[in-house]
Every structure is written in C-alpha cells, then in structure tokens.
PDB file of N, CA and C in Angstrom:
ATOM      1  N   UNK A   1    -146.534  28.512  -1.125  1.00  0.00           N
ATOM      2  CA  UNK A   1    -145.988  27.907   0.061  1.00  0.00           C
ATOM      3  C   UNK A   1    -145.063  26.767  -0.322  1.00  0.00           C
ATOM      4  N   UNK A   2    -144.033  26.561   0.458  1.00  0.00           N
ATOM      5  CA  UNK A   2    -143.109  25.465   0.247  1.00  0.00           C
ATOM      6  C   UNK A   2    -142.943  24.702   1.548  1.00  0.00           C
ATOM      7  N   UNK A   3    -142.438  23.478   1.426  1.00  0.00           N
ATOM      8  CA  UNK A   3    -142.098  22.719   2.621  1.00  0.00           C
ATOM      9  C   UNK A   3    -140.957  23.466   3.302  1.00  0.00           C
ATOM     10  N   UNK A   4    -141.076  23.712   4.609  1.00  0.00           N
ATOM     11  CA  UNK A   4    -140.030  24.479   5.274  1.00  0.00           C
ATOM     12  C   UNK A   4    -138.713  23.702   5.279  1.00  0.00           C
ATOM     13  N   UNK A   5    -137.629  24.435   5.371  1.00  0.00           N
ATOM     14  CA  UNK A   5    -136.296  23.851   5.254  1.00  0.00           C
ATOM     15  C   UNK A   5    -136.026  22.774   6.295  1.00  0.00           C
ATOM     16  N   UNK A   6    -136.616  22.909   7.470  1.00  0.00           N
ATOM     17  CA  UNK A   6    -136.422  21.915   8.521  1.00  0.00           C
ATOM     18  C   UNK A   6    -137.074  20.580   8.159  1.00  0.00           C
ATOM     19  N   UNK A   7    -138.136  20.616   7.376  1.00  0.00           N
ATOM     20  CA  UNK A   7    -138.894  19.409   7.051  1.00  0.00           C
ATOM     21  C   UNK A   7    -138.441  18.741   5.756  1.00  0.00           C
ATOM     22  N   UNK A   8    -137.757  19.473   4.876  1.00  0.00           N
ATOM     23  CA  UNK A   8    -137.421  18.943   3.552  1.00  0.00           C
ATOM     24  C   UNK A   8    -136.651  17.632   3.632  1.00  0.00           C
ATOM     25  N   UNK A   9    -135.623  17.565   4.449  1.00  0.00           N
ATOM     26  CA  UNK A   9    -134.811  16.354   4.550  1.00  0.00           C
ATOM     27  C   UNK A   9    -135.627  15.154   4.975  1.00  0.00           C
ATOM     28  N   UNK A  10    -136.463  15.323   5.990  1.00  0.00           N
ATOM     29  CA  UNK A  10    -137.293  14.223   6.480  1.00  0.00           C
ATOM     30  C   UNK A  10    -138.304  13.790   5.422  1.00  0.00           C
ATOM     31  N   UNK A  11    -138.903  14.752   4.735  1.00  0.00           N
ATOM     32  CA  UNK A  11    -139.889  14.429   3.699  1.00  0.00           C
ATOM     33  C   UNK A  11    -139.224  13.646   2.577  1.00  0.00           C
ATOM     34  N   UNK A  12    -138.088  14.123   2.100  1.00  0.00           N
ATOM     35  CA  UNK A  12    -137.402  13.428   1.009  1.00  0.00           C
ATOM     36  C   UNK A  12    -136.967  12.031   1.420  1.00  0.00           C
ATOM     37  N   UNK A  13    -136.465  11.870   2.629  1.00  0.00           N
ATOM     38  CA  UNK A  13    -136.076  10.539   3.098  1.00  0.00           C
ATOM     39  C   UNK A  13    -137.272   9.590   3.122  1.00  0.00           C
ATOM     40  N   UNK A  14    -138.394  10.069   3.624  1.00  0.00           N
ATOM     41  CA  UNK A  14    -139.585   9.227   3.697  1.00  0.00           C
ATOM     42  C   UNK A  14    -140.114   8.879   2.313  1.00  0.00           C
ATOM     43  N   UNK A  15    -140.075   9.836   1.395  1.00  0.00           N
ATOM     44  CA  UNK A  15    -140.535   9.563   0.032  1.00  0.00           C
ATOM     45  C   UNK A  15    -139.597   8.597  -0.686  1.00  0.00           C
ATOM     46  N   UNK A  16    -138.302   8.751  -0.475  1.00  0.00           N
ATOM     47  CA  UNK A  16    -137.353   7.810  -1.082  1.00  0.00           C
ATOM     48  C   UNK A  16    -137.526   6.410  -0.504  1.00  0.00           C
ATOM     49  N   UNK A  17    -137.781   6.328   0.797  1.00  0.00           N
ATOM     50  CA  UNK A  17    -138.027   5.036   1.423  1.00  0.00           C
ATOM     51  C   UNK A  17    -139.270   4.394   0.806  1.00  0.00           C
ATOM     52  N   UNK A  18    -140.326   5.172   0.642  1.00  0.00           N
ATOM     53  CA  UNK A  18    -141.560   4.651   0.041  1.00  0.00           C
ATOM     54  C   UNK A  18    -141.303   4.213  -1.405  1.00  0.00           C
ATOM     55  N   UNK A  19    -140.514   4.970  -2.118  1.00  0.00           N
ATOM     56  CA  UNK A  19    -140.188   4.625  -3.504  1.00  0.00           C
ATOM     57  C   UNK A  19    -139.473   3.269  -3.569  1.00  0.00           C
ATOM     58  N   UNK A  20    -138.503   3.070  -2.691  1.00  0.00           N
ATOM     59  CA  UNK A  20    -137.784   1.799  -2.652  1.00  0.00           C
ATOM     60  C   UNK A  20    -138.691   0.653  -2.236  1.00  0.00           C
ATOM     61  N   UNK A  21    -139.548   0.913  -1.253  1.00  0.00           N
ATOM     62  CA  UNK A  21    -140.476  -0.117  -0.792  1.00  0.00           C
ATOM     63  C   UNK A  21    -141.479  -0.473  -1.884  1.00  0.00           C
ATOM     64  N   UNK A  22    -141.925   0.519  -2.633  1.00  0.00           N
ATOM     65  CA  UNK A  22    -142.873   0.267  -3.718  1.00  0.00           C
ATOM     66  C   UNK A  22    -142.214  -0.571  -4.812  1.00  0.00           C
ATOM     67  N   UNK A  23    -140.960  -0.292  -5.113  1.00  0.00           N
ATOM     68  CA  UNK A  23    -140.227  -1.120  -6.082  1.00  0.00           C
ATOM     69  C   UNK A  23    -140.157  -2.563  -5.584  1.00  0.00           C
ATOM     70  N   UNK A  24    -139.990  -2.724  -4.274  1.00  0.00           N
ATOM     71  CA  UNK A  24    -139.976  -4.058  -3.684  1.00  0.00           C
ATOM     72  C   UNK A  24    -141.314  -4.756  -3.838  1.00  0.00           C
ATOM     73  N   UNK A  25    -142.409  -4.026  -3.649  1.00  0.00           N
ATOM     74  CA  UNK A  25    -143.749  -4.601  -3.813  1.00  0.00           C
ATOM     75  C   UNK A  25    -143.943  -5.069  -5.252  1.00  0.00           C
ATOM     76  N   UNK A  26    -143.548  -4.239  -6.196  1.00  0.00           N
ATOM     77  CA  UNK A  26    -143.687  -4.600  -7.612  1.00  0.00           C
ATOM     78  C   UNK A  26    -142.887  -5.863  -7.916  1.00  0.00           C
ATOM     79  N   UNK A  27    -141.654  -5.920  -7.428  1.00  0.00           N
ATOM     80  CA  UNK A  27    -140.809  -7.100  -7.654  1.00  0.00           C
ATOM     81  C   UNK A  27    -141.417  -8.343  -7.013  1.00  0.00           C
ATOM     82  N   UNK A  28    -142.006  -8.177  -5.830  1.00  0.00           N
ATOM     83  CA  UNK A  28    -142.628  -9.309  -5.146  1.00  0.00           C
ATOM     84  C   UNK A  28    -143.814  -9.843  -5.952  1.00  0.00           C
ATOM     85  N   UNK A  29    -144.624  -8.948  -6.479  1.00  0.00           N
ATOM     86  CA  UNK A  29    -145.782  -9.363  -7.275  1.00  0.00           C
ATOM     87  C   UNK A  29    -145.315 -10.063  -8.545  1.00  0.00           C
ATOM     88  N   UNK A  30    -144.331  -9.480  -9.213  1.00  0.00           N
ATOM     89  CA  UNK A  30    -143.814 -10.084 -10.450  1.00  0.00           C
ATOM     90  C   UNK A  30    -143.209 -11.462 -10.196  1.00  0.00           C
ATOM     91  N   UNK A  31    -142.639 -11.652  -9.007  1.00  0.00           N
ATOM     92  CA  UNK A  31    -142.018 -12.935  -8.664  1.00  0.00           C
ATOM     93  C   UNK A  31    -143.038 -13.943  -8.135  1.00  0.00           C
ATOM     94  N   UNK A  32    -144.297 -13.525  -7.974  1.00  0.00           N
ATOM     95  CA  UNK A  32    -145.330 -14.427  -7.503  1.00  0.00           C
ATOM     96  C   UNK A  32    -145.267 -14.725  -6.017  1.00  0.00           C
ATOM     97  N   UNK A  33    -144.764 -13.767  -5.243  1.00  0.00           N
ATOM     98  CA  UNK A  33    -144.658 -13.961  -3.789  1.00  0.00           C
ATOM     99  C   UNK A  33    -146.028 -14.075  -3.143  1.00  0.00           C
ATOM    100  N   UNK A  34    -146.028 -14.616  -1.951  1.00  0.00           N
ATOM    101  CA  UNK A  34    -147.240 -14.815  -1.163  1.00  0.00           C
ATOM    102  C   UNK A  34    -147.953 -13.480  -0.934  1.00  0.00           C
ATOM    103  N   UNK A  35    -149.263 -13.508  -1.032  1.00  0.00           N
ATOM    104  CA  UNK A  35    -150.079 -12.300  -0.883  1.00  0.00           C
ATOM    105  C   UNK A  35    -149.846 -11.624   0.465  1.00  0.00           C
ATOM    106  N   UNK A  36    -149.682 -12.413   1.525  1.00  0.00           N
ATOM    107  CA  UNK A  36    -149.466 -11.840   2.853  1.00  0.00           C
ATOM    108  C   UNK A  36    -148.181 -11.012   2.881  1.00  0.00           C
ATOM    109  N   UNK A  37    -147.130 -11.501   2.247  1.00  0.00           N
ATOM    110  CA  UNK A  37    -145.869 -10.753   2.185  1.00  0.00           C
ATOM    111  C   UNK A  37    -146.028  -9.452   1.409  1.00  0.00           C
ATOM    112  N   UNK A  38    -146.776  -9.524   0.310  1.00  0.00           N
ATOM    113  CA  UNK A  38    -147.005  -8.336  -0.521  1.00  0.00           C
ATOM    114  C   UNK A  38    -147.786  -7.285   0.261  1.00  0.00           C
ATOM    115  N   UNK A  39    -148.840  -7.709   0.943  1.00  0.00           N
ATOM    116  CA  UNK A  39    -149.669  -6.777   1.711  1.00  0.00           C
ATOM    117  C   UNK A  39    -148.858  -6.141   2.844  1.00  0.00           C
ATOM    118  N   UNK A  40    -148.030  -6.935   3.505  1.00  0.00           N
ATOM    119  CA  UNK A  40    -147.188  -6.411   4.590  1.00  0.00           C
ATOM    120  C   UNK A  40    -146.245  -5.339   4.061  1.00  0.00           C
ATOM    121  N   UNK A  41    -145.631  -5.603   2.914  1.00  0.00           N
ATOM    122  CA  UNK A  41    -144.713  -4.623   2.321  1.00  0.00           C
ATOM    123  C   UNK A  41    -145.472  -3.393   1.846  1.00  0.00           C
ATOM    124  N   UNK A  42    -146.661  -3.599   1.289  1.00  0.00           N
ATOM    125  CA  UNK A  42    -147.473  -2.472   0.829  1.00  0.00           C
ATOM    126  C   UNK A  42    -147.898  -1.590   1.995  1.00  0.00           C
ATOM    127  N   UNK A  43    -148.166  -2.191   3.144  1.00  0.00           N
ATOM    128  CA  UNK A  43    -148.502  -1.416   4.338  1.00  0.00           C
ATOM    129  C   UNK A  43    -147.334  -0.527   4.751  1.00  0.00           C
ATOM    130  N   UNK A  44    -146.116  -1.019   4.584  1.00  0.00           N
ATOM    131  CA  UNK A  44    -144.933  -0.209   4.903  1.00  0.00           C
ATOM    132  C   UNK A  44    -144.839   0.988   3.963  1.00  0.00           C
ATOM    133  N   UNK A  45    -145.169   0.783   2.694  1.00  0.00           N
ATOM    134  CA  UNK A  45    -145.186   1.889   1.727  1.00  0.00           C
ATOM    135  C   UNK A  45    -146.201   2.931   2.170  1.00  0.00           C
ATOM    136  N   UNK A  46    -147.380   2.474   2.540  1.00  0.00           N
ATOM    137  CA  UNK A  46    -148.445   3.374   2.964  1.00  0.00           C
ATOM    138  C   UNK A  46    -148.020   4.198   4.175  1.00  0.00           C
ATOM    139  N   UNK A  47    -147.385   3.549   5.158  1.00  0.00           N
ATOM    140  CA  UNK A  47    -146.930   4.279   6.358  1.00  0.00           C
ATOM    141  C   UNK A  47    -145.895   5.337   5.987  1.00  0.00           C
ATOM    142  N   UNK A  48    -144.954   4.991   5.107  1.00  0.00           N
ATOM    143  CA  UNK A  48    -143.927   5.960   4.709  1.00  0.00           C
ATOM    144  C   UNK A  48    -144.563   7.156   4.000  1.00  0.00           C
ATOM    145  N   UNK A  49    -145.547   6.894   3.131  1.00  0.00           N
ATOM    146  CA  UNK A  49    -146.228   7.995   2.443  1.00  0.00           C
ATOM    147  C   UNK A  49    -147.051   8.835   3.409  1.00  0.00           C
ATOM    148  N   UNK A  50    -147.725   8.172   4.344  1.00  0.00           N
ATOM    149  CA  UNK A  50    -148.513   8.908   5.344  1.00  0.00           C
ATOM    150  C   UNK A  50    -147.626   9.820   6.173  1.00  0.00           C
ATOM    151  N   UNK A  51    -146.477   9.314   6.578  1.00  0.00           N
ATOM    152  CA  UNK A  51    -145.571  10.126   7.396  1.00  0.00           C
ATOM    153  C   UNK A  51    -145.013  11.301   6.604  1.00  0.00           C
ATOM    154  N   UNK A  52    -144.676  11.067   5.346  1.00  0.00           N
ATOM    155  CA  UNK A  52    -144.201  12.170   4.497  1.00  0.00           C
ATOM    156  C   UNK A  52    -145.309  13.195   4.299  1.00  0.00           C
ATOM    157  N   UNK A  53    -146.510  12.713   4.029  1.00  0.00           N
ATOM    158  CA  UNK A  53    -147.655  13.611   3.843  1.00  0.00           C
ATOM    159  C   UNK A  53    -147.941  14.423   5.085  1.00  0.00           C
ATOM    160  N   UNK A  54    -147.889  13.784   6.251  1.00  0.00           N
ATOM    161  CA  UNK A  54    -148.114  14.511   7.493  1.00  0.00           C
ATOM    162  C   UNK A  54    -147.083  15.620   7.655  1.00  0.00           C
ATOM    163  N   UNK A  55    -145.821  15.309   7.372  1.00  0.00           N
ATOM    164  CA  UNK A  55    -144.751  16.304   7.532  1.00  0.00           C
ATOM    165  C   UNK A  55    -144.987  17.491   6.594  1.00  0.00           C
ATOM    166  N   UNK A  56    -145.421  17.200   5.370  1.00  0.00           N
ATOM    167  CA  UNK A  56    -145.700  18.278   4.409  1.00  0.00           C
ATOM    168  C   UNK A  56    -146.872  19.131   4.889  1.00  0.00           C
ATOM    169  N   UNK A  57    -147.953  18.482   5.310  1.00  0.00           N
ATOM    170  CA  UNK A  57    -149.133  19.220   5.774  1.00  0.00           C
ATOM    171  C   UNK A  57    -148.810  20.017   7.030  1.00  0.00           C
ATOM    172  N   UNK A  58    -148.078  19.414   7.966  1.00  0.00           N
ATOM    173  CA  UNK A  58    -147.719  20.129   9.191  1.00  0.00           C
ATOM    174  C   UNK A  58    -146.880  21.361   8.871  1.00  0.00           C
ATOM    175  N   UNK A  59    -145.949  21.221   7.941  1.00  0.00           N
ATOM    176  CA  UNK A  59    -145.114  22.346   7.527  1.00  0.00           C
ATOM    177  C   UNK A  59    -145.976  23.449   6.920  1.00  0.00           C
ATOM    178  N   UNK A  60    -146.899  23.051   6.041  1.00  0.00           N
ATOM    179  CA  UNK A  60    -147.786  24.027   5.416  1.00  0.00           C
ATOM    180  C   UNK A  60    -148.682  24.716   6.417  1.00  0.00           C
ATOM    181  N   UNK A  61    -149.190  23.950   7.382  1.00  0.00           N
ATOM    182  CA  UNK A  61    -150.067  24.544   8.392  1.00  0.00           C
ATOM    183  C   UNK A  61    -149.318  25.548   9.256  1.00  0.00           C
ATOM    184  N   UNK A  62    -148.078  25.227   9.602  1.00  0.00           N
ATOM    185  CA  UNK A  62    -147.276  26.189  10.379  1.00  0.00           C
ATOM    186  C   UNK A  62    -147.118  27.489   9.603  1.00  0.00           C
ATOM    187  N   UNK A  63    -146.833  27.373   8.304  1.00  0.00           N
ATOM    188  CA  UNK A  63    -146.666  28.573   7.490  1.00  0.00           C
ATOM    189  C   UNK A  63    -147.967  29.347   7.364  1.00  0.00           C
ATOM    190  N   UNK A  64    -149.070  28.625   7.210  1.00  0.00           N
ATOM    191  CA  UNK A  64    -150.371  29.282   7.063  1.00  0.00           C
ATOM    192  C   UNK A  64    -150.750  30.050   8.320  1.00  0.00           C
ATOM    193  N   UNK A  65    -150.394  29.510   9.460  1.00  0.00           N
ATOM    194  CA  UNK A  65    -150.735  30.166  10.710  1.00  0.00           C
ATOM    195  C   UNK A  65    -149.807  31.351  10.977  1.00  0.00           C
ATOM    196  N   UNK A  66    -148.620  31.315  10.425  1.00  0.00           N
ATOM    197  CA  UNK A  66    -147.641  32.370  10.679  1.00  0.00           C
ATOM    198  C   UNK A  66    -147.710  33.499   9.659  1.00  0.00           C
ATOM    199  N   UNK A  67    -148.249  33.234   8.483  1.00  0.00           N
ATOM    200  CA  UNK A  67    -148.219  34.232   7.415  1.00  0.00           C
ATOM    201  C   UNK A  67    -149.578  34.351   6.745  1.00  0.00           C
ATOM    202  N   UNK A  68    -149.735  35.402   6.024  1.00  0.00           N
ATOM    203  CA  UNK A  68    -150.966  35.628   5.270  1.00  0.00           C
ATOM    204  C   UNK A  68    -150.721  35.272   3.806  1.00  0.00           C
ATOM    205  N   UNK A  69    -151.810  35.064   3.060  1.00  0.00           N
ATOM    206  CA  UNK A  69    -151.677  34.790   1.632  1.00  0.00           C
ATOM    207  C   UNK A  69    -151.429  36.087   0.868  1.00  0.00           C
ATOM    208  N   UNK A  70    -151.471  36.008  -0.471  1.00  0.00           N
ATOM    209  CA  UNK A  70    -151.184  37.195  -1.300  1.00  0.00           C
ATOM    210  C   UNK A  70    -152.145  38.351  -1.026  1.00  0.00           C
ATOM    211  N   UNK A  71    -153.357  38.040  -0.619  1.00  0.00           N
ATOM    212  CA  UNK A  71    -154.351  39.074  -0.343  1.00  0.00           C
ATOM    213  C   UNK A  71    -154.181  39.693   1.038  1.00  0.00           C
ATOM    214  N   UNK A  72    -153.256  39.139   1.820  1.00  0.00           N
ATOM    215  CA  UNK A  72    -153.049  39.646   3.165  1.00  0.00           C
ATOM    216  C   UNK A  72    -153.943  38.998   4.200  1.00  0.00           C
ATOM    217  N   UNK A  73    -154.792  38.064   3.759  1.00  0.00           N
ATOM    218  CA  UNK A  73    -155.710  37.404   4.687  1.00  0.00           C
ATOM    219  C   UNK A  73    -155.120  36.075   5.153  1.00  0.00           C
ATOM    220  N   UNK A  74    -155.215  35.788   6.442  1.00  0.00           N
ATOM    221  CA  UNK A  74    -154.731  34.495   6.915  1.00  0.00           C
ATOM    222  C   UNK A  74    -155.627  33.376   6.398  1.00  0.00           C
ATOM    223  N   UNK A  75    -155.085  32.173   6.334  1.00  0.00           N
ATOM    224  CA  UNK A  75    -155.871  31.024   5.892  1.00  0.00           C
ATOM    225  C   UNK A  75    -156.968  30.763   6.918  1.00  0.00           C
ATOM    226  N   UNK A  76    -158.164  30.484   6.419  1.00  0.00           N
ATOM    227  CA  UNK A  76    -159.293  30.253   7.315  1.00  0.00           C
ATOM    228  C   UNK A  76    -159.173  28.886   7.986  1.00  0.00           C
ATOM    229  N   UNK A  77    -159.935  28.721   9.051  1.00  0.00           N
ATOM    230  CA  UNK A  77    -159.951  27.432   9.747  1.00  0.00           C
ATOM    231  C   UNK A  77    -160.468  26.335   8.822  1.00  0.00           C
ATOM    232  N   UNK A  78    -161.449  26.660   7.972  1.00  0.00           N
ATOM    233  CA  UNK A  78    -161.998  25.682   7.030  1.00  0.00           C
ATOM    234  C   UNK A  78    -160.924  25.239   6.035  1.00  0.00           C
ATOM    235  N   UNK A  79    -160.118  26.178   5.558  1.00  0.00           N
ATOM    236  CA  UNK A  79    -159.037  25.833   4.629  1.00  0.00           C
ATOM    237  C   UNK A  79    -157.976  24.970   5.315  1.00  0.00           C
ATOM    238  N   UNK A  80    -157.652  25.312   6.562  1.00  0.00           N
ATOM    239  CA  UNK A  80    -156.701  24.500   7.321  1.00  0.00           C
ATOM    240  C   UNK A  80    -157.243  23.086   7.541  1.00  0.00           C
ATOM    241  N   UNK A  81    -158.542  22.998   7.843  1.00  0.00           N
ATOM    242  CA  UNK A  81    -159.151  21.685   8.062  1.00  0.00           C
ATOM    243  C   UNK A  81    -159.095  20.857   6.778  1.00  0.00           C
ATOM    244  N   UNK A  82    -159.400  21.462   5.652  1.00  0.00           N
ATOM    245  CA  UNK A  82    -159.356  20.764   4.363  1.00  0.00           C
ATOM    246  C   UNK A  82    -157.951  20.263   4.075  1.00  0.00           C
ATOM    247  N   UNK A  83    -156.940  21.083   4.348  1.00  0.00           N
ATOM    248  CA  UNK A  83    -155.553  20.698   4.136  1.00  0.00           C
ATOM    249  C   UNK A  83    -155.192  19.506   5.022  1.00  0.00           C
ATOM    250  N   UNK A  84    -155.588  19.556   6.276  1.00  0.00           N
ATOM    251  CA  UNK A  84    -155.296  18.467   7.203  1.00  0.00           C
ATOM    252  C   UNK A  84    -156.006  17.181   6.806  1.00  0.00           C
ATOM    253  N   UNK A  85    -157.280  17.291   6.443  1.00  0.00           N
ATOM    254  CA  UNK A  85    -158.070  16.116   6.099  1.00  0.00           C
ATOM    255  C   UNK A  85    -157.666  15.513   4.766  1.00  0.00           C
ATOM    256  N   UNK A  86    -156.885  16.232   3.984  1.00  0.00           N
ATOM    257  CA  UNK A  86    -156.384  15.676   2.724  1.00  0.00           C
ATOM    258  C   UNK A  86    -155.536  14.428   2.959  1.00  0.00           C
ATOM    259  N   UNK A  87    -155.038  14.242   4.166  1.00  0.00           N
ATOM    260  CA  UNK A  87    -154.263  13.045   4.485  1.00  0.00           C
ATOM    261  C   UNK A  87    -155.130  11.802   4.649  1.00  0.00           C
ATOM    262  N   UNK A  88    -156.404  12.010   4.957  1.00  0.00           N
ATOM    263  CA  UNK A  88    -157.301  10.864   5.242  1.00  0.00           C
ATOM    264  C   UNK A  88    -157.558  10.042   4.009  1.00  0.00           C
TER     265      UNK A  88
END
C-alpha cells in the first residue's frame, strides 16, 4: 500500500513543516531558550506529525476498505483498528 496521490502533497508538506519546527526546537535548546518556549515549539512539531500521520493512516484505511490484500481477503476490522490506534 502507498499513500494515495491526493494525500502525498499534504503529507509531505506537514512532514517538512515538522522537520523545520524540530530544527527550531534543537536551536532553541542549544541557545538556552526558556523551557516554556521550547515546549510550545515542540507541541507544534507534535501537531504537525500527528496531522501527517492521520493523513497517512486515513489514506491507508481508504485503500484497505476499497481493495483486498495479496490473498484476496479484505483487511479485517481488527487490523484496521490497529492501524488507526497506531496514531495514539
């Protein structure tokens, strides 16, 4: 399975945003910035990663519901639940 073409752009943008924000967190820590500022920036990284992860999982779930695996069997509800809960 791959991230569907409609989701790829959004996923990459969110991951790049998180990458830039994480670089900012590292620079803030190295510069000795206030802990509150670091935590606030780190929360932004977490949100960007969560949103990218959700988009990836949602894309995968759509594909799983629309298609069968190599054996011809659709993904079970338990497998879908595990995939969804991987974001938690």
